[in-house]
């Protein structure tokens, strides 16, 4: 109750309470006037917009609410551009906690003095986030420098307390407000809780970092670097990783001094994103400038893999078809992709949705290619889909956020970057490999281990059935003979068809029909 009163007090002092008094009931207005007289709004915020008031309030409330604001900053389907712009400023405005607290956490985590693990330890943090602080140290071997993430004190307890409080507030808001029910406040809080617990789990970050590093290495991507994780001296409260001397991606002067090829670097970032999404189905979902650096070798350095998105094969195909439908101005194809996704909670009016998507997308084709924002188009499309009762899955929300970040980073590094031009060939090739002849052959190869196990078992079952039913032996043998003939005929036709497709593929000839 005390925490709730504190939140309401801070919100009111920053001018947010008036947005809660949209009810026509006279007692609400009287209550607001009484509250205003007793607790005046800060003078500097009286004429400010909603976005600024919300940002200041979240900053005052502390790390959890700053993280809440960061998450909401990637929801343009909820807030307008002005609010999103203000919330985006929460990325780095986090108050540091003192060294004494960090030292206590480290001692409790290792149960031994710091000097037994690190020969040097800089007590001044080099970065502070809503979940943790980062320090620089040197291992006992005296050679390797490391970056150490130390979780904020009592962060799990504080987050759980605030989540419980927000759930109660959400229930009340949805009971009183149609707007709250429309935006599904409880669902948003569930999403926030899920994301926060992912970022709180350093073990998941270890696994994510190692997984993405392995995928890029196996893919032959030498332009993408991940820090080495020292898992043996990491735990739930401490994460130790390789220290990498690199250049901040948003440091324009440093990029110039180090003669970084901006065009090449921007293209590397874009290729990294598309490779992770469509080839791996696992992508870094927190690609803001604070988590991305580069070096003199033009390598892209990805940090903080605590939050990743994961896409199923169906998700990848639908998303690729949505993008390609837009590129080709095939809006009926877009609607079919949405219908096939299973995201709709009720039957879609296909003609009306196609008309709305055309209305959103067509103006983009009157612009220069380098002026088209794929991120903004995607945001507008997702807003429209919500009106048609299409439930946007969490993985697509993360993807939307990542696209916004990637596009912004690309334009920051190289303002001339043509995302449209770079993405279309990649997606076209991927779809051809997944859905065309190559996709069929690839799928067939993946199914061979399964059928190599199933077919012998099927034959064994038939044999055992024949032995145990001697009275029906003649009938069964007759049936088996017919089945064998059918199988032989099917296998002959299937092999002939497969060989034909392989020949077409090897000769790069388009077959007269699609499988």
Protein backbone atom coordinates (compact mmCIF):
# COMPACT_ATOMS: atom_id res chain seq x y z
CA UNK A 1 0.00 0.00 0.00
CA UNK A 2 2.84 2.38 0.86
CA UNK A 3 4.49 1.72 -2.52
CA UNK A 4 1.20 2.33 -4.33
CA UNK A 5 0.73 5.67 -2.56
CA UNK A 6 4.31 6.61 -3.44
CA UNK A 7 3.73 5.77 -7.12
CA UNK A 8 0.48 7.75 -7.24
CA UNK A 9 2.14 10.72 -5.51
CA UNK A 10 5.06 10.82 -7.97
CA UNK A 11 2.74 10.36 -10.96
CA UNK A 12 0.52 13.22 -9.80
CA UNK A 13 3.43 15.59 -9.07
CA UNK A 14 4.65 14.99 -12.63
CA UNK A 15 1.24 15.76 -14.10
CA UNK A 16 0.03 12.26 -15.02
CA UNK A 17 -3.04 12.13 -12.79
CA UNK A 18 -5.15 14.24 -15.14
CA UNK A 19 -4.89 11.52 -17.79
CA UNK A 20 -6.62 9.17 -15.38
CA UNK A 21 -9.53 11.54 -14.92
CA UNK A 22 -11.23 11.11 -18.27
CA UNK A 23 -14.34 9.85 -16.59
CA UNK A 24 -17.38 12.14 -16.87
CA UNK A 25 -18.40 11.40 -13.28
CA UNK A 26 -18.41 14.60 -11.27
CA UNK A 27 -16.81 13.00 -8.20
CA UNK A 28 -13.70 12.18 -10.30
CA UNK A 29 -13.36 15.82 -11.29
CA UNK A 30 -13.88 17.01 -7.72
CA UNK A 31 -11.25 14.54 -6.47
CA UNK A 32 -8.75 15.74 -9.08
CA UNK A 33 -9.28 19.43 -8.18
CA UNK A 34 -8.83 18.62 -4.47
CA UNK A 35 -5.66 16.65 -5.21
CA UNK A 36 -4.27 19.45 -7.38
CA UNK A 37 -4.79 22.03 -4.66
CA UNK A 38 -3.07 19.92 -2.00
CA UNK A 39 -0.24 18.64 -4.21
CA UNK A 40 0.51 21.04 -7.07
CA UNK A 41 2.10 19.72 -10.24
CA UNK A 42 5.75 20.60 -10.82
CA UNK A 43 5.93 23.98 -12.52
CA UNK A 44 8.31 22.82 -15.27
CA UNK A 45 5.98 19.96 -16.26
CA UNK A 46 2.61 21.75 -16.25
CA UNK A 47 2.68 22.50 -19.97
CA UNK A 48 4.77 19.47 -20.99
CA UNK A 49 3.40 16.69 -23.18
CA UNK A 50 2.35 13.27 -21.96
CA UNK A 51 5.57 11.62 -23.18
CA UNK A 52 7.89 13.85 -21.14
CA UNK A 53 5.72 13.52 -18.02
CA UNK A 54 5.72 9.74 -18.35
CA UNK A 55 9.49 9.54 -18.87
CA UNK A 56 10.28 11.74 -15.86
CA UNK A 57 7.90 9.70 -13.71
CA UNK A 58 9.47 6.40 -14.70
CA UNK A 59 12.97 7.76 -14.02
CA UNK A 60 11.95 8.86 -10.53
CA UNK A 61 10.32 5.52 -9.73
CA UNK A 62 13.57 3.62 -10.29
CA UNK A 63 15.22 0.79 -12.27
CA UNK A 64 12.15 -1.45 -12.67
CA UNK A 65 10.06 1.35 -14.12
CA UNK A 66 12.91 2.48 -16.34
CA UNK A 67 13.02 -1.04 -17.76
CA UNK A 68 9.22 -0.89 -18.10
CA UNK A 69 9.60 2.32 -20.11
CA UNK A 70 12.29 0.75 -22.29
CA UNK A 71 9.96 -2.13 -23.10
CA UNK A 72 7.06 0.21 -23.84
CA UNK A 73 9.34 2.28 -26.09
CA UNK A 74 9.18 -0.52 -28.65
CA UNK A 75 5.40 -0.58 -28.71
CA UNK A 76 4.42 2.02 -31.33
CA UNK A 77 1.16 0.12 -31.64
CA UNK A 78 0.26 1.55 -28.20
CA UNK A 79 1.86 5.03 -28.09
CA UNK A 80 2.35 7.74 -30.70
CA UNK A 81 5.73 8.82 -32.05
CA UNK A 82 6.22 11.64 -29.50
CA UNK A 83 5.77 9.30 -26.53
CA UNK A 84 7.98 6.64 -28.14
CA UNK A 85 10.69 9.23 -28.71
CA UNK A 86 10.64 10.28 -25.03
CA UNK A 87 10.65 6.69 -23.74
CA UNK A 88 13.58 5.84 -26.01
CA UNK A 89 15.63 8.29 -23.94
CA UNK A 90 15.41 5.89 -21.00
CA UNK A 91 18.06 3.60 -22.53
CA UNK A 92 20.93 5.08 -20.51
CA UNK A 93 19.46 7.27 -17.77
CA UNK A 94 19.90 4.87 -14.86
CA UNK A 95 21.29 5.85 -11.45
CA UNK A 96 24.35 3.89 -10.29
CA UNK A 97 24.31 1.93 -7.04
CA UNK A 98 27.34 2.30 -4.71
CA UNK A 99 30.47 0.14 -4.78
CA UNK A 100 29.80 -1.08 -1.23
CA UNK A 101 26.65 -2.85 -2.49
CA UNK A 102 28.44 -4.31 -5.51
CA UNK A 103 31.31 -5.52 -3.31
CA UNK A 104 28.85 -7.23 -0.98
CA UNK A 105 27.13 -8.99 -3.89
CA UNK A 106 30.48 -10.20 -5.30
CA UNK A 107 31.66 -11.49 -1.90
CA UNK A 108 28.37 -13.36 -1.35
CA UNK A 109 28.49 -14.83 -4.86
CA UNK A 110 32.05 -16.19 -4.61
CA UNK A 111 32.26 -16.64 -0.84
CA UNK A 112 35.87 -15.43 -0.97
CA UNK A 113 37.73 -12.14 -1.40
CA UNK A 114 37.86 -10.45 -4.79
CA UNK A 115 41.67 -10.63 -4.81
CA UNK A 116 41.43 -14.44 -4.96
CA UNK A 117 39.79 -14.18 -8.38
CA UNK A 118 40.92 -10.90 -9.92
CA UNK A 119 44.37 -9.34 -9.73
CA UNK A 120 42.87 -5.92 -10.58
CA UNK A 121 39.36 -4.57 -10.10
CA UNK A 122 38.22 -1.05 -11.03
CA UNK A 123 35.62 -0.04 -8.44
CA UNK A 124 34.16 2.65 -10.70
CA UNK A 125 31.45 1.20 -12.99
CA UNK A 126 31.89 1.78 -16.70
CA UNK A 127 28.16 1.39 -17.37
CA UNK A 128 24.92 1.21 -15.39
CA UNK A 129 21.71 -0.40 -16.55
CA UNK A 130 18.32 -1.10 -15.02
CA UNK A 131 19.31 -4.71 -14.27
CA UNK A 132 23.05 -4.56 -13.60
CA UNK A 133 26.26 -2.53 -13.52
CA UNK A 134 29.43 -3.29 -15.48
CA UNK A 135 32.97 -3.17 -14.09
CA UNK A 136 36.41 -3.77 -15.60
CA UNK A 137 38.87 -6.20 -14.03
CA UNK A 138 41.89 -8.39 -14.79
CA UNK A 139 42.04 -12.14 -14.16
CA UNK A 140 44.70 -13.74 -11.96
CA UNK A 141 46.78 -14.76 -14.98
CA UNK A 142 47.57 -11.06 -15.33
CA UNK A 143 46.83 -10.99 -19.04
CA UNK A 144 43.12 -11.13 -19.78
CA UNK A 145 40.90 -8.15 -19.00
CA UNK A 146 37.24 -8.94 -18.38
CA UNK A 147 33.94 -7.11 -18.14
CA UNK A 148 31.92 -8.03 -15.06
CA UNK A 149 28.15 -7.56 -14.87
CA UNK A 150 26.91 -7.29 -11.30
CA UNK A 151 23.19 -7.59 -10.75
CA UNK A 152 21.49 -4.77 -8.84
CA UNK A 153 20.87 -5.49 -5.14
CA UNK A 154 17.48 -7.06 -4.38
CA UNK A 155 16.44 -6.62 -8.02
CA UNK A 156 14.46 -9.88 -8.18
CA UNK A 157 12.51 -9.06 -5.01
CA UNK A 158 11.80 -5.49 -6.14
CA UNK A 159 10.61 -6.61 -9.58
CA UNK A 160 8.34 -9.32 -8.18
CA UNK A 161 6.80 -6.81 -5.75
CA UNK A 162 6.17 -4.26 -8.49
CA UNK A 163 4.78 -6.89 -10.87
CA UNK A 164 2.22 -7.96 -8.25
CA UNK A 165 1.29 -4.32 -7.75
CA UNK A 166 0.94 -3.71 -11.50
CA UNK A 167 -1.29 -6.77 -11.87
CA UNK A 168 -3.69 -5.34 -9.28
CA UNK A 169 -3.68 -1.97 -11.03
CA UNK A 170 -4.27 -3.67 -14.41
CA UNK A 171 -7.30 -5.55 -13.08
CA UNK A 172 -8.76 -2.29 -11.81
CA UNK A 173 -8.04 -0.40 -15.05
CA UNK A 174 -9.54 -3.10 -17.27
CA UNK A 175 -12.62 -3.15 -15.06
CA UNK A 176 -13.09 0.63 -15.42
CA UNK A 177 -11.70 1.44 -18.86
CA UNK A 178 -12.57 0.22 -22.35
CA UNK A 179 -9.24 1.61 -23.55
CA UNK A 180 -7.37 -0.54 -21.02
CA UNK A 181 -9.31 -3.61 -22.15
CA UNK A 182 -8.59 -2.81 -25.78
CA UNK A 183 -4.85 -2.60 -25.17
CA UNK A 184 -4.97 -5.74 -22.96
CA UNK A 185 -3.04 -4.25 -20.06
CA UNK A 186 -2.79 -7.57 -18.22
CA UNK A 187 -1.31 -9.19 -21.33
CA UNK A 188 1.27 -6.41 -21.63
CA UNK A 189 2.27 -6.89 -17.98
CA UNK A 190 2.67 -10.64 -18.58
CA UNK A 191 4.95 -9.83 -21.52
CA UNK A 192 6.96 -7.42 -19.37
CA UNK A 193 7.31 -9.98 -16.58
CA UNK A 194 8.47 -12.64 -19.07
CA UNK A 195 11.09 -10.34 -20.60
CA UNK A 196 12.39 -9.12 -17.26
CA UNK A 197 12.89 -12.63 -15.91
CA UNK A 198 14.78 -13.53 -19.09
CA UNK A 199 17.14 -10.59 -18.59
CA UNK A 200 17.52 -11.39 -14.89
CA UNK A 201 18.79 -14.88 -15.65
CA UNK A 202 22.52 -14.61 -16.38
CA UNK A 203 22.64 -18.34 -17.19
CA UNK A 204 20.28 -17.72 -20.12
CA UNK A 205 22.53 -14.91 -21.34
CA UNK A 206 25.49 -17.28 -21.24
CA UNK A 207 23.60 -19.89 -23.28
CA UNK A 208 22.29 -17.28 -25.75
CA UNK A 209 25.74 -15.76 -26.32
CA UNK A 210 27.40 -19.11 -26.88
CA UNK A 211 24.57 -20.30 -29.15
CA UNK A 212 24.64 -17.24 -31.41
CA UNK A 213 28.45 -17.28 -31.53
CA UNK A 214 28.42 -20.96 -32.58
CA UNK A 215 25.75 -20.37 -35.25
CA UNK A 216 27.69 -17.50 -36.82
CA UNK A 217 30.93 -19.47 -36.65
CA UNK A 218 29.33 -22.51 -38.31
CA UNK A 219 27.85 -20.17 -40.94
CA UNK A 220 31.30 -18.80 -41.75
CA UNK A 221 30.48 -15.26 -40.54
CA UNK A 222 33.86 -13.80 -39.62
CA UNK A 223 32.52 -10.26 -39.50
CA UNK A 224 30.42 -10.89 -36.39
CA UNK A 225 32.10 -11.18 -32.97
CA UNK A 226 30.74 -12.15 -29.56
CA UNK A 227 32.66 -11.82 -26.28
CA UNK A 228 34.01 -15.01 -24.73
CA UNK A 229 32.05 -16.01 -21.62
CA UNK A 230 33.93 -17.20 -18.52
CA UNK A 231 31.16 -19.53 -17.38
CA UNK A 232 33.31 -21.16 -14.68
CA UNK A 233 33.44 -17.91 -12.65
CA UNK A 234 29.94 -16.69 -13.54
CA UNK A 235 26.73 -17.34 -11.62
CA UNK A 236 23.22 -15.97 -11.08
CA UNK A 237 24.51 -12.63 -9.74
CA UNK A 238 27.80 -12.23 -11.63
CA UNK A 239 28.52 -12.54 -15.35
CA UNK A 240 32.17 -12.46 -16.44
CA UNK A 241 33.03 -12.02 -20.10
CA UNK A 242 35.92 -11.06 -22.33
CA UNK A 243 36.80 -7.38 -22.39
CA UNK A 244 36.84 -6.14 -25.99
CA UNK A 245 38.46 -2.83 -26.88
CA UNK A 246 36.12 -1.54 -29.54
CA UNK A 247 34.47 1.51 -31.03
CA UNK A 248 30.93 2.53 -30.02
CA UNK A 249 28.71 2.28 -33.07
CA UNK A 250 27.20 5.72 -32.42
CA UNK A 251 30.53 7.50 -31.89
CA UNK A 252 30.78 9.40 -35.17
CA UNK A 253 34.20 10.90 -34.42
CA UNK A 254 35.73 7.54 -33.42
CA UNK A 255 34.40 5.90 -36.60
CA UNK A 256 36.05 8.65 -38.66
CA UNK A 257 39.38 8.55 -36.78
CA UNK A 258 39.61 4.76 -37.16
CA UNK A 259 38.72 5.00 -40.88
CA UNK A 260 35.74 2.66 -40.53
CA UNK A 261 34.02 1.87 -43.82
CA UNK A 262 30.51 2.94 -42.85
CA UNK A 263 28.79 1.45 -45.84
CA UNK A 264 30.42 -1.94 -45.27
CA UNK A 265 29.69 -1.83 -41.55
CA UNK A 266 26.02 -0.96 -42.09
CA UNK A 267 25.63 -3.80 -44.59
CA UNK A 268 27.29 -6.21 -42.14
CA UNK A 269 24.76 -5.24 -39.49
CA UNK A 270 21.85 -5.69 -41.90
CA UNK A 271 23.13 -9.08 -43.11
CA UNK A 272 23.65 -10.16 -39.49
CA UNK A 273 20.03 -9.37 -38.69
CA UNK A 274 18.56 -11.18 -41.69
CA UNK A 275 20.87 -14.17 -41.20
CA UNK A 276 19.83 -14.53 -37.56
CA UNK A 277 16.11 -14.17 -38.30
CA UNK A 278 15.72 -16.29 -41.41
CA UNK A 279 18.66 -18.72 -41.32
CA UNK A 280 19.00 -19.32 -37.58
CA UNK A 281 15.52 -18.48 -36.34
CA UNK A 282 17.32 -17.01 -33.30
CA UNK A 283 18.05 -13.28 -33.21
CA UNK A 284 19.52 -10.70 -30.84
CA UNK A 285 16.43 -8.80 -29.67
CA UNK A 286 18.10 -5.85 -27.96
CA UNK A 287 20.18 -4.26 -30.74
CA UNK A 288 20.38 -0.68 -29.52
CA UNK A 289 23.64 1.35 -29.83
CA UNK A 290 24.73 0.49 -26.27
CA UNK A 291 24.93 -3.21 -27.18
CA UNK A 292 26.74 -2.90 -30.51
CA UNK A 293 30.34 -1.95 -31.23
CA UNK A 294 32.90 -2.46 -33.98
CA UNK A 295 36.67 -2.71 -34.33
CA UNK A 296 39.35 -1.68 -36.80
CA UNK A 297 38.83 -4.95 -38.69
CA UNK A 298 35.31 -3.81 -39.64
CA UNK A 299 33.87 -6.52 -37.42
CA UNK A 300 30.43 -6.18 -35.84
CA UNK A 301 30.57 -6.82 -32.06
CA UNK A 302 27.34 -7.90 -30.38
CA UNK A 303 27.00 -7.58 -26.59
CA UNK A 304 24.29 -8.38 -24.01
CA UNK A 305 22.48 -11.39 -25.43
CA UNK A 306 20.16 -11.69 -22.45
CA UNK A 307 17.13 -11.14 -24.67
CA UNK A 308 16.78 -13.15 -27.87
CA UNK A 309 13.82 -13.85 -30.13
CA UNK A 310 13.06 -17.31 -31.46
CA UNK A 311 11.05 -18.05 -34.60
CA UNK A 312 9.60 -21.35 -35.74
CA UNK A 313 9.86 -22.44 -39.38
CA UNK A 314 6.24 -21.41 -39.87
CA UNK A 315 6.93 -17.97 -38.32
CA UNK A 316 9.89 -17.42 -40.64
CA UNK A 317 7.95 -18.40 -43.77
CA UNK A 318 4.98 -16.20 -42.91
CA UNK A 319 7.16 -13.19 -42.06
CA UNK A 320 9.18 -13.62 -45.26
CA UNK A 321 6.00 -13.88 -47.33
CA UNK A 322 4.60 -10.76 -45.64
CA UNK A 323 7.73 -8.78 -46.55
CA UNK A 324 7.86 -10.10 -50.11
CA UNK A 325 4.15 -9.42 -50.60
CA UNK A 326 4.85 -5.82 -49.66
CA UNK A 327 7.91 -5.58 -51.94
CA UNK A 328 5.87 -6.99 -54.85
CA UNK A 329 2.75 -4.93 -53.94
CA UNK A 330 0.88 -8.22 -53.68
CA UNK A 331 -1.59 -7.29 -50.95
CA UNK A 332 -3.85 -10.29 -51.47
CA UNK A 333 -0.78 -12.46 -50.87
CA UNK A 334 -0.18 -10.54 -47.65
CA UNK A 335 -3.73 -11.25 -46.46
CA UNK A 336 -3.36 -14.95 -47.29
CA UNK A 337 -0.13 -15.06 -45.28
CA UNK A 338 -1.90 -13.52 -42.28
CA UNK A 339 -4.81 -15.96 -42.61
CA UNK A 340 -2.37 -18.89 -42.78
CA UNK A 341 -0.53 -17.65 -39.68
CA UNK A 342 -3.29 -18.61 -37.26
CA UNK A 343 -2.87 -15.27 -35.48
CA UNK A 344 -6.44 -14.11 -36.10
CA UNK A 345 -8.94 -14.71 -33.27
CA UNK A 346 -11.87 -14.60 -35.69
CA UNK A 347 -12.55 -14.69 -39.43
CA UNK A 348 -10.88 -11.81 -41.25
CA UNK A 349 -12.69 -9.65 -43.79
CA UNK A 350 -10.03 -10.32 -46.44
CA UNK A 351 -11.18 -7.65 -48.91
CA UNK A 352 -11.32 -4.94 -46.27
CA UNK A 353 -7.91 -5.88 -44.81
CA UNK A 354 -6.36 -5.92 -48.28
CA UNK A 355 -7.79 -2.45 -48.89
CA UNK A 356 -6.37 -1.13 -45.60
CA UNK A 357 -2.92 -2.62 -46.20
CA UNK A 358 -2.88 -1.12 -49.71
CA UNK A 359 -3.78 2.25 -48.19
CA UNK A 360 -0.83 1.97 -45.77
CA UNK A 361 1.78 0.70 -48.21
CA UNK A 362 1.10 2.40 -51.54
CA UNK A 363 2.28 5.91 -50.50
CA UNK A 364 5.74 4.43 -49.83
CA UNK A 365 6.20 3.65 -53.51
CA UNK A 366 6.05 7.36 -54.35
CA UNK A 367 9.21 7.93 -52.32
CA UNK A 368 12.86 7.35 -53.12
CA UNK A 369 14.02 3.89 -52.06
CA UNK A 370 16.42 5.24 -49.45
CA UNK A 371 13.55 7.26 -47.91
CA UNK A 372 11.33 4.22 -47.28
CA UNK A 373 11.19 3.05 -43.66
CA UNK A 374 10.43 -0.67 -43.44
CA UNK A 375 10.19 -0.31 -39.67
CA UNK A 376 7.49 2.37 -39.91
CA UNK A 377 5.56 0.38 -42.48
CA UNK A 378 5.68 -2.67 -40.22
CA UNK A 379 4.49 -0.59 -37.25
CA UNK A 380 1.55 0.75 -39.25
CA UNK A 381 0.67 -2.73 -40.49
CA UNK A 382 0.70 -4.18 -36.97
CA UNK A 383 -1.52 -1.34 -35.76
CA UNK A 384 -3.98 -2.17 -38.52
CA UNK A 385 -3.90 -5.91 -37.77
CA UNK A 386 -4.91 -5.21 -34.17
CA UNK A 387 -8.10 -3.55 -35.50
CA UNK A 388 -8.91 -6.82 -37.28
CA UNK A 389 -8.54 -8.79 -34.01
CA UNK A 390 -5.22 -10.30 -35.07
CA UNK A 391 -3.23 -11.28 -31.98
CA UNK A 392 0.37 -10.31 -32.58
CA UNK A 393 2.57 -13.07 -31.10
CA UNK A 394 5.35 -12.03 -28.67
CA UNK A 395 8.09 -13.13 -31.06
CA UNK A 396 6.76 -10.73 -33.70
CA UNK A 397 6.72 -7.86 -31.20
CA UNK A 398 10.39 -8.57 -30.50
CA UNK A 399 11.07 -8.78 -34.23
CA UNK A 400 9.33 -5.46 -34.77
CA UNK A 401 11.48 -3.87 -32.07
CA UNK A 402 14.63 -5.35 -33.60
CA UNK A 403 13.75 -4.12 -37.10
CA UNK A 404 13.23 -0.61 -35.72
CA UNK A 405 16.62 -0.76 -34.00
CA UNK A 406 18.42 -2.25 -37.00
CA UNK A 407 17.00 0.31 -39.40
CA UNK A 408 17.90 3.13 -37.03
CA UNK A 409 21.43 1.77 -36.60
CA UNK A 410 21.85 1.33 -40.34
CA UNK A 411 20.83 4.93 -41.02
CA UNK A 412 23.02 6.13 -38.13
CA UNK A 413 26.11 4.41 -39.53
CA UNK A 414 25.38 5.06 -43.20
CA UNK A 415 22.59 7.55 -44.02
CA UNK A 416 22.65 6.36 -47.66
CA UNK A 417 21.89 2.73 -46.74
CA UNK A 418 19.08 1.37 -48.92
CA UNK A 419 17.45 -1.26 -46.70
CA UNK A 420 14.85 -2.05 -49.36
CA UNK A 421 17.52 -2.84 -51.96
CA UNK A 422 19.58 -4.96 -49.56
CA UNK A 423 16.75 -6.97 -48.05
CA UNK A 424 14.76 -7.95 -51.17
CA UNK A 425 17.39 -10.29 -52.75
CA UNK A 426 18.05 -11.93 -49.38
CA UNK A 427 14.38 -12.66 -48.76
CA UNK A 428 13.75 -13.79 -52.34
CA UNK A 429 16.63 -16.26 -52.17
CA UNK A 430 15.53 -17.52 -48.77
CA UNK A 431 11.94 -18.11 -49.90
CA UNK A 432 13.17 -19.91 -53.02
CA UNK A 433 15.34 -22.17 -50.84
CA UNK A 434 12.52 -22.89 -48.40
CA UNK A 435 9.43 -23.14 -50.56
CA UNK A 436 10.63 -23.97 -54.07
CA UNK A 437 12.41 -27.07 -55.39
CA UNK A 438 15.40 -26.55 -53.10
CA UNK A 439 13.03 -26.32 -50.16
CA UNK A 440 11.36 -29.58 -51.18
CA UNK A 441 14.71 -31.39 -51.45
CA UNK A 442 15.87 -29.92 -48.13
CA UNK A 443 12.68 -31.04 -46.41
CA UNK A 444 13.01 -34.48 -47.95
CA UNK A 445 16.55 -34.82 -46.60
CA UNK A 446 15.40 -33.84 -43.11
CA UNK A 447 12.68 -36.52 -43.22
CA UNK A 448 14.99 -39.39 -44.29
CA UNK A 449 16.20 -40.21 -40.71
CA UNK A 450 12.58 -40.40 -39.53
CA UNK A 451 11.41 -42.74 -42.30
CA UNK A 452 14.56 -44.86 -42.06
CA UNK A 453 13.43 -45.64 -38.51
CA UNK A 454 9.69 -45.94 -39.21
CA UNK A 455 9.73 -48.19 -42.29
CA UNK A 456 11.64 -51.12 -40.72
CA UNK A 457 9.32 -50.99 -37.72
CA UNK A 458 6.29 -51.02 -40.00
CA UNK A 459 7.62 -54.05 -41.85
CA UNK A 460 8.44 -55.80 -38.57
CA UNK A 461 4.90 -55.18 -37.34
CA UNK A 462 3.47 -56.66 -40.51
CA UNK A 463 5.68 -59.71 -40.18
CA UNK A 464 4.67 -60.31 -36.57
CA UNK A 465 1.05 -59.94 -37.51
CA UNK A 466 1.43 -62.62 -40.21
CA UNK A 467 3.10 -65.06 -37.83
CA UNK A 468 0.49 -64.63 -35.10
CA UNK A 469 -2.46 -64.98 -37.46
CA UNK A 470 -1.78 -68.16 -39.37
CA UNK A 471 -5.44 -68.71 -40.10
CA UNK A 472 -5.53 -65.54 -42.15
CA UNK A 473 -2.18 -66.11 -43.78
CA UNK A 474 -3.47 -66.48 -47.30
CA UNK A 475 -5.63 -63.39 -47.10
CA UNK A 476 -2.85 -61.37 -45.54
CA UNK A 477 -0.32 -62.51 -48.09
CA UNK A 478 -2.71 -61.50 -50.83
CA UNK A 479 -3.16 -58.09 -49.24
CA UNK A 480 0.56 -57.72 -48.72
CA UNK A 481 1.15 -58.59 -52.35
CA UNK A 482 -1.20 -55.82 -53.41
CA UNK A 483 0.38 -53.42 -50.93
CA UNK A 484 3.86 -54.29 -52.19
CA UNK A 485 2.78 -53.65 -55.76
CA UNK A 486 1.34 -50.29 -54.74
CA UNK A 487 4.47 -49.39 -52.80
CA UNK A 488 6.70 -50.34 -55.72
CA UNK A 489 4.58 -48.26 -58.10
CA UNK A 490 4.62 -45.27 -55.72
CA UNK A 491 8.37 -45.51 -55.13
CA UNK A 492 9.02 -45.72 -58.87
CA UNK A 493 6.92 -42.62 -59.55
CA UNK A 494 8.37 -40.75 -56.58
CA UNK A 495 11.98 -41.53 -57.55
CA UNK A 496 11.32 -40.52 -61.14
CA UNK A 497 9.81 -37.26 -59.99
CA UNK A 498 12.66 -36.58 -57.57
CA UNK A 499 15.33 -37.29 -60.21
CA UNK A 500 13.53 -34.94 -62.60
CA UNK A 501 13.48 -32.13 -60.06
CA UNK A 502 17.15 -32.68 -59.22
CA UNK A 503 18.07 -32.49 -62.90
CA UNK A 504 16.09 -29.26 -63.25
CA UNK A 505 17.85 -27.85 -60.19
CA UNK A 506 21.33 -28.82 -61.35
CA UNK A 507 20.70 -27.36 -64.80
CA UNK A 508 19.06 -24.25 -63.28
CA UNK A 509 15.94 -24.85 -65.39
CA UNK A 510 12.55 -23.73 -64.11
CA UNK A 511 10.22 -26.77 -64.13
CA UNK A 512 6.86 -26.48 -65.92
CA UNK A 513 5.04 -26.99 -62.61
CA UNK A 514 5.50 -26.46 -58.86
CA UNK A 515 5.47 -29.23 -56.30
